[in-house]
């Protein structure tokens, strides 16, 4: 997790979030699943593993939705 320099808002990338929550085992698995269109952010397919997330974003994978809380 890092801080957004402009707003001092905590951020985490989508791939980091999936690994942090234990939803994938490796960065390679995160990359494969994200680029394969298996992950949604706020209800829309997201294919960028570097997508920045902040508190309140909703990530859906395998039919389960997780709210980002940093």
PDB file of N, CA and C in Angstrom:
ATOM      1  N   UNK A   1       0.857  -1.175   0.000  1.00  0.00           N
ATOM      2  CA  UNK A   1       0.000   0.000   0.000  1.00  0.00           C
ATOM      3  C   UNK A   1       0.896   1.229   0.000  1.00  0.00           C
ATOM      4  N   UNK A   2       0.527   2.243  -0.737  1.00  0.00           N
ATOM      5  CA  UNK A   2       1.274   3.487  -0.804  1.00  0.00           C
ATOM      6  C   UNK A   2       0.331   4.650  -0.572  1.00  0.00           C
ATOM      7  N   UNK A   3       0.904   5.824  -0.532  1.00  0.00           N
ATOM      8  CA  UNK A   3       0.103   7.032  -0.370  1.00  0.00           C
ATOM      9  C   UNK A   3       0.082   7.790  -1.689  1.00  0.00           C
ATOM     10  N   UNK A   4      -1.071   8.288  -2.086  1.00  0.00           N
ATOM     11  CA  UNK A   4      -1.189   9.150  -3.255  1.00  0.00           C
ATOM     12  C   UNK A   4      -0.646  10.512  -2.846  1.00  0.00           C
ATOM     13  N   UNK A   5       0.398  10.973  -3.503  1.00  0.00           N
ATOM     14  CA  UNK A   5       1.062  12.211  -3.123  1.00  0.00           C
ATOM     15  C   UNK A   5       0.154  13.430  -3.210  1.00  0.00           C
ATOM     16  N   UNK A   6      -0.800  13.419  -4.121  1.00  0.00           N
ATOM     17  CA  UNK A   6      -1.656  14.583  -4.299  1.00  0.00           C
ATOM     18  C   UNK A   6      -2.658  14.752  -3.167  1.00  0.00           C
ATOM     19  N   UNK A   7      -3.187  13.658  -2.658  1.00  0.00           N
ATOM     20  CA  UNK A   7      -4.268  13.770  -1.687  1.00  0.00           C
ATOM     21  C   UNK A   7      -3.975  13.069  -0.365  1.00  0.00           C
ATOM     22  N   UNK A   8      -2.805  12.441  -0.242  1.00  0.00           N
ATOM     23  CA  UNK A   8      -2.476  11.648   0.939  1.00  0.00           C
ATOM     24  C   UNK A   8      -3.511  10.558   1.189  1.00  0.00           C
ATOM     25  N   UNK A   9      -4.065  10.017   0.120  1.00  0.00           N
ATOM     26  CA  UNK A   9      -5.041   8.939   0.194  1.00  0.00           C
ATOM     27  C   UNK A   9      -4.316   7.607   0.022  1.00  0.00           C
ATOM     28  N   UNK A  10      -4.531   6.638   0.909  1.00  0.00           N
ATOM     29  CA  UNK A  10      -3.894   5.326   0.731  1.00  0.00           C
ATOM     30  C   UNK A  10      -4.383   4.667  -0.562  1.00  0.00           C
ATOM     31  N   UNK A  11      -3.440   4.072  -1.305  1.00  0.00           N
ATOM     32  CA  UNK A  11      -3.794   3.359  -2.523  1.00  0.00           C
ATOM     33  C   UNK A  11      -3.106   2.002  -2.545  1.00  0.00           C
ATOM     34  N   UNK A  12      -3.682   1.079  -3.307  1.00  0.00           N
ATOM     35  CA  UNK A  12      -3.110  -0.240  -3.522  1.00  0.00           C
ATOM     36  C   UNK A  12      -3.464  -0.635  -4.955  1.00  0.00           C
ATOM     37  N   UNK A  13      -2.570  -1.358  -5.615  1.00  0.00           N
ATOM     38  CA  UNK A  13      -2.910  -1.787  -6.972  1.00  0.00           C
ATOM     39  C   UNK A  13      -3.837  -2.995  -6.901  1.00  0.00           C
ATOM     40  N   UNK A  14      -4.525  -3.230  -7.992  1.00  0.00           N
ATOM     41  CA  UNK A  14      -5.459  -4.349  -8.052  1.00  0.00           C
ATOM     42  C   UNK A  14      -4.742  -5.671  -7.797  1.00  0.00           C
ATOM     43  N   UNK A  15      -3.589  -5.888  -8.428  1.00  0.00           N
ATOM     44  CA  UNK A  15      -2.847  -7.131  -8.220  1.00  0.00           C
ATOM     45  C   UNK A  15      -2.413  -7.269  -6.768  1.00  0.00           C
ATOM     46  N   UNK A  16      -1.937  -6.196  -6.162  1.00  0.00           N
ATOM     47  CA  UNK A  16      -1.532  -6.228  -4.759  1.00  0.00           C
ATOM     48  C   UNK A  16      -2.712  -6.563  -3.858  1.00  0.00           C
ATOM     49  N   UNK A  17      -3.870  -5.988  -4.167  1.00  0.00           N
ATOM     50  CA  UNK A  17      -5.070  -6.243  -3.373  1.00  0.00           C
ATOM     51  C   UNK A  17      -5.446  -7.718  -3.417  1.00  0.00           C
ATOM     52  N   UNK A  18      -5.432  -8.304  -4.620  1.00  0.00           N
ATOM     53  CA  UNK A  18      -5.794  -9.718  -4.752  1.00  0.00           C
ATOM     54  C   UNK A  18      -4.842 -10.604  -3.959  1.00  0.00           C
ATOM     55  N   UNK A  19      -3.551 -10.284  -3.983  1.00  0.00           N
ATOM     56  CA  UNK A  19      -2.576 -11.072  -3.219  1.00  0.00           C
ATOM     57  C   UNK A  19      -2.746 -10.837  -1.723  1.00  0.00           C
ATOM     58  N   UNK A  20      -2.937  -9.583  -1.316  1.00  0.00           N
ATOM     59  CA  UNK A  20      -3.083  -9.225   0.097  1.00  0.00           C
ATOM     60  C   UNK A  20      -4.273  -9.939   0.732  1.00  0.00           C
ATOM     61  N   UNK A  21      -5.369 -10.045  -0.016  1.00  0.00           N
ATOM     62  CA  UNK A  21      -6.573 -10.707   0.497  1.00  0.00           C
ATOM     63  C   UNK A  21      -6.531 -12.226   0.357  1.00  0.00           C
ATOM     64  N   UNK A  22      -5.460 -12.745  -0.273  1.00  0.00           N
ATOM     65  CA  UNK A  22      -5.340 -14.191  -0.441  1.00  0.00           C
ATOM     66  C   UNK A  22      -6.257 -14.751  -1.517  1.00  0.00           C
ATOM     67  N   UNK A  23      -6.686 -13.903  -2.444  1.00  0.00           N
ATOM     68  CA  UNK A  23      -7.592 -14.330  -3.502  1.00  0.00           C
ATOM     69  C   UNK A  23      -6.841 -14.981  -4.651  1.00  0.00           C
ATOM     70  N   UNK A  24      -5.542 -14.719  -4.732  1.00  0.00           N
ATOM     71  CA  UNK A  24      -4.631 -15.385  -5.664  1.00  0.00           C
ATOM     72  C   UNK A  24      -3.372 -15.731  -4.880  1.00  0.00           C
ATOM     73  N   UNK A  25      -2.624 -16.708  -5.368  1.00  0.00           N
ATOM     74  CA  UNK A  25      -1.425 -17.135  -4.659  1.00  0.00           C
ATOM     75  C   UNK A  25      -0.178 -16.376  -5.079  1.00  0.00           C
ATOM     76  N   UNK A  26      -0.104 -15.970  -6.350  1.00  0.00           N
ATOM     77  CA  UNK A  26       1.103 -15.331  -6.861  1.00  0.00           C
ATOM     78  C   UNK A  26       0.751 -14.122  -7.719  1.00  0.00           C
ATOM     79  N   UNK A  27       1.765 -13.315  -7.981  1.00  0.00           N
ATOM     80  CA  UNK A  27       1.583 -12.191  -8.883  1.00  0.00           C
ATOM     81  C   UNK A  27       1.258 -12.662 -10.289  1.00  0.00           C
ATOM     82  N   UNK A  28       1.845 -13.788 -10.683  1.00  0.00           N
ATOM     83  CA  UNK A  28       1.562 -14.344 -11.999  1.00  0.00           C
ATOM     84  C   UNK A  28       0.108 -14.753 -12.141  1.00  0.00           C
ATOM     85  N   UNK A  29      -0.426 -15.346 -11.083  1.00  0.00           N
ATOM     86  CA  UNK A  29      -1.847 -15.730 -11.110  1.00  0.00           C
ATOM     87  C   UNK A  29      -2.728 -14.484 -11.178  1.00  0.00           C
ATOM     88  N   UNK A  30      -2.353 -13.448 -10.419  1.00  0.00           N
ATOM     89  CA  UNK A  30      -3.111 -12.195 -10.447  1.00  0.00           C
ATOM     90  C   UNK A  30      -3.113 -11.621 -11.862  1.00  0.00           C
ATOM     91  N   UNK A  31      -1.943 -11.575 -12.489  1.00  0.00           N
ATOM     92  CA  UNK A  31      -1.822 -11.050 -13.855  1.00  0.00           C
ATOM     93  C   UNK A  31      -2.709 -11.834 -14.820  1.00  0.00           C
ATOM     94  N   UNK A  32      -2.629 -13.143 -14.757  1.00  0.00           N
ATOM     95  CA  UNK A  32      -3.401 -14.003 -15.660  1.00  0.00           C
ATOM     96  C   UNK A  32      -4.906 -13.781 -15.484  1.00  0.00           C
ATOM     97  N   UNK A  33      -5.360 -13.742 -14.254  1.00  0.00           N
ATOM     98  CA  UNK A  33      -6.802 -13.611 -13.996  1.00  0.00           C
ATOM     99  C   UNK A  33      -7.314 -12.214 -14.347  1.00  0.00           C
ATOM    100  N   UNK A  34      -6.512 -11.191 -14.053  1.00  0.00           N
ATOM    101  CA  UNK A  34      -6.923  -9.826 -14.374  1.00  0.00           C
ATOM    102  C   UNK A  34      -6.968  -9.635 -15.886  1.00  0.00           C
ATOM    103  N   UNK A  35      -5.881 -10.006 -16.559  1.00  0.00           N
ATOM    104  CA  UNK A  35      -5.830  -9.817 -18.008  1.00  0.00           C
ATOM    105  C   UNK A  35      -6.813 -10.731 -18.744  1.00  0.00           C
ATOM    106  N   UNK A  36      -7.239 -11.804 -18.093  1.00  0.00           N
ATOM    107  CA  UNK A  36      -8.225 -12.702 -18.675  1.00  0.00           C
ATOM    108  C   UNK A  36      -9.655 -12.230 -18.497  1.00  0.00           C
ATOM    109  N   UNK A  37      -9.841 -11.075 -17.862  1.00  0.00           N
ATOM    110  CA  UNK A  37     -11.170 -10.502 -17.705  1.00  0.00           C
ATOM    111  C   UNK A  37     -11.993 -11.117 -16.587  1.00  0.00           C
ATOM    112  N   UNK A  38     -11.323 -11.776 -15.629  1.00  0.00           N
ATOM    113  CA  UNK A  38     -12.032 -12.448 -14.537  1.00  0.00           C
ATOM    114  C   UNK A  38     -12.298 -11.551 -13.328  1.00  0.00           C
ATOM    115  N   UNK A  39     -11.796 -10.317 -13.348  1.00  0.00           N
ATOM    116  CA  UNK A  39     -11.899  -9.438 -12.187  1.00  0.00           C
ATOM    117  C   UNK A  39     -12.672  -8.180 -12.565  1.00  0.00           C
ATOM    118  N   UNK A  40     -13.608  -7.802 -11.705  1.00  0.00           N
ATOM    119  CA  UNK A  40     -14.377  -6.580 -11.905  1.00  0.00           C
ATOM    120  C   UNK A  40     -14.037  -5.579 -10.813  1.00  0.00           C
ATOM    121  N   UNK A  41     -13.993  -4.308 -11.182  1.00  0.00           N
ATOM    122  CA  UNK A  41     -13.844  -3.228 -10.212  1.00  0.00           C
ATOM    123  C   UNK A  41     -15.063  -2.336 -10.375  1.00  0.00           C
ATOM    124  N   UNK A  42     -15.798  -2.186  -9.312  1.00  0.00           N
ATOM    125  CA  UNK A  42     -17.036  -1.396  -9.327  1.00  0.00           C
ATOM    126  C   UNK A  42     -17.977  -1.844 -10.444  1.00  0.00           C
ATOM    127  N   UNK A  43     -18.053  -3.171 -10.642  1.00  0.00           N
ATOM    128  CA  UNK A  43     -19.002  -3.749 -11.585  1.00  0.00           C
ATOM    129  C   UNK A  43     -18.555  -3.794 -13.030  1.00  0.00           C
ATOM    130  N   UNK A  44     -17.335  -3.323 -13.321  1.00  0.00           N
ATOM    131  CA  UNK A  44     -16.841  -3.323 -14.701  1.00  0.00           C
ATOM    132  C   UNK A  44     -15.572  -4.158 -14.801  1.00  0.00           C
ATOM    133  N   UNK A  45     -15.434  -4.921 -15.889  1.00  0.00           N
ATOM    134  CA  UNK A  45     -14.237  -5.732 -16.085  1.00  0.00           C
ATOM    135  C   UNK A  45     -13.021  -4.816 -16.108  1.00  0.00           C
ATOM    136  N   UNK A  46     -11.997  -5.195 -15.346  1.00  0.00           N
ATOM    137  CA  UNK A  46     -10.757  -4.422 -15.282  1.00  0.00           C
ATOM    138  C   UNK A  46      -9.611  -5.317 -15.712  1.00  0.00           C
ATOM    139  N   UNK A  47      -8.858  -4.910 -16.729  1.00  0.00           N
ATOM    140  CA  UNK A  47      -7.760  -5.731 -17.234  1.00  0.00           C
ATOM    141  C   UNK A  47      -6.387  -5.137 -16.910  1.00  0.00           C
ATOM    142  N   UNK A  48      -6.354  -4.056 -16.145  1.00  0.00           N
ATOM    143  CA  UNK A  48      -5.077  -3.437 -15.754  1.00  0.00           C
ATOM    144  C   UNK A  48      -4.724  -3.875 -14.335  1.00  0.00           C
ATOM    145  N   UNK A  49      -3.663  -4.661 -14.198  1.00  0.00           N
ATOM    146  CA  UNK A  49      -3.283  -5.117 -12.859  1.00  0.00           C
ATOM    147  C   UNK A  49      -2.754  -3.976 -12.006  1.00  0.00           C
ATOM    148  N   UNK A  50      -2.306  -2.888 -12.638  1.00  0.00           N
ATOM    149  CA  UNK A  50      -1.803  -1.732 -11.905  1.00  0.00           C
ATOM    150  C   UNK A  50      -2.887  -0.725 -11.559  1.00  0.00           C
ATOM    151  N   UNK A  51      -4.143  -1.071 -11.812  1.00  0.00           N
ATOM    152  CA  UNK A  51      -5.268  -0.183 -11.489  1.00  0.00           C
ATOM    153  C   UNK A  51      -5.183   0.202 -10.014  1.00  0.00           C
ATOM    154  N   UNK A  52      -5.206   1.496  -9.735  1.00  0.00           N
ATOM    155  CA  UNK A  52      -5.106   1.973  -8.360  1.00  0.00           C
ATOM    156  C   UNK A  52      -6.473   1.912  -7.689  1.00  0.00           C
ATOM    157  N   UNK A  53      -6.479   1.337  -6.506  1.00  0.00           N
ATOM    158  CA  UNK A  53      -7.701   1.222  -5.718  1.00  0.00           C
ATOM    159  C   UNK A  53      -7.565   2.051  -4.448  1.00  0.00           C
ATOM    160  N   UNK A  54      -8.671   2.612  -4.012  1.00  0.00           N
ATOM    161  CA  UNK A  54      -8.720   3.319  -2.743  1.00  0.00           C
ATOM    162  C   UNK A  54      -9.909   2.778  -1.951  1.00  0.00           C
ATOM    163  N   UNK A  55      -9.995   3.165  -0.702  1.00  0.00           N
ATOM    164  CA  UNK A  55     -11.088   2.722   0.146  1.00  0.00           C
ATOM    165  C   UNK A  55     -12.429   2.995  -0.533  1.00  0.00           C
ATOM    166  N   UNK A  56     -13.269   1.974  -0.539  1.00  0.00           N
ATOM    167  CA  UNK A  56     -14.602   2.104  -1.117  1.00  0.00           C
ATOM    168  C   UNK A  56     -14.766   1.406  -2.460  1.00  0.00           C
ATOM    169  N   UNK A  57     -13.654   1.172  -3.178  1.00  0.00           N
ATOM    170  CA  UNK A  57     -13.780   0.424  -4.436  1.00  0.00           C
ATOM    171  C   UNK A  57     -14.286  -0.978  -4.126  1.00  0.00           C
ATOM    172  N   UNK A  58     -15.011  -1.552  -5.070  1.00  0.00           N
ATOM    173  CA  UNK A  58     -15.551  -2.900  -4.924  1.00  0.00           C
ATOM    174  C   UNK A  58     -14.899  -3.803  -5.961  1.00  0.00           C
ATOM    175  N   UNK A  59     -14.262  -4.882  -5.495  1.00  0.00           N
ATOM    176  CA  UNK A  59     -13.568  -5.822  -6.374  1.00  0.00           C
ATOM    177  C   UNK A  59     -14.327  -7.142  -6.354  1.00  0.00           C
ATOM    178  N   UNK A  60     -14.673  -7.655  -7.539  1.00  0.00           N
ATOM    179  CA  UNK A  60     -15.396  -8.916  -7.644  1.00  0.00           C
ATOM    180  C   UNK A  60     -14.537  -9.927  -8.385  1.00  0.00           C
ATOM    181  N   UNK A  61     -14.412 -11.122  -7.783  1.00  0.00           N
ATOM    182  CA  UNK A  61     -13.691 -12.227  -8.393  1.00  0.00           C
ATOM    183  C   UNK A  61     -14.367 -13.509  -7.926  1.00  0.00           C
ATOM    184  N   UNK A  62     -14.525 -14.461  -8.820  1.00  0.00           N
ATOM    185  CA  UNK A  62     -15.174 -15.745  -8.500  1.00  0.00           C
ATOM    186  C   UNK A  62     -16.559 -15.562  -7.897  1.00  0.00           C
ATOM    187  N   UNK A  63     -17.282 -14.525  -8.327  1.00  0.00           N
ATOM    188  CA  UNK A  63     -18.637 -14.293  -7.847  1.00  0.00           C
ATOM    189  C   UNK A  63     -18.738 -13.675  -6.463  1.00  0.00           C
ATOM    190  N   UNK A  64     -17.601 -13.367  -5.852  1.00  0.00           N
ATOM    191  CA  UNK A  64     -17.584 -12.736  -4.532  1.00  0.00           C
ATOM    192  C   UNK A  64     -17.075 -11.313  -4.649  1.00  0.00           C
ATOM    193  N   UNK A  65     -17.693 -10.387  -3.915  1.00  0.00           N
ATOM    194  CA  UNK A  65     -17.320  -8.984  -3.960  1.00  0.00           C
ATOM    195  C   UNK A  65     -16.677  -8.577  -2.641  1.00  0.00           C
ATOM    196  N   UNK A  66     -15.586  -7.847  -2.752  1.00  0.00           N
ATOM    197  CA  UNK A  66     -14.816  -7.385  -1.594  1.00  0.00           C
ATOM    198  C   UNK A  66     -14.715  -5.866  -1.670  1.00  0.00           C
ATOM    199  N   UNK A  67     -14.992  -5.210  -0.550  1.00  0.00           N
ATOM    200  CA  UNK A  67     -14.880  -3.751  -0.492  1.00  0.00           C
ATOM    201  C   UNK A  67     -13.482  -3.412   0.009  1.00  0.00           C
ATOM    202  N   UNK A  68     -12.794  -2.530  -0.713  1.00  0.00           N
ATOM    203  CA  UNK A  68     -11.447  -2.130  -0.327  1.00  0.00           C
ATOM    204  C   UNK A  68     -11.532  -1.229   0.898  1.00  0.00           C
ATOM    205  N   UNK A  69     -10.790  -1.594   1.940  1.00  0.00           N
ATOM    206  CA  UNK A  69     -10.710  -0.799   3.169  1.00  0.00           C
ATOM    207  C   UNK A  69      -9.245  -0.689   3.543  1.00  0.00           C
ATOM    208  N   UNK A  70      -8.657   0.477   3.287  1.00  0.00           N
ATOM    209  CA  UNK A  70      -7.225   0.690   3.540  1.00  0.00           C
ATOM    210  C   UNK A  70      -6.986   1.517   4.789  1.00  0.00           C
TER     211      UNK A  70
END
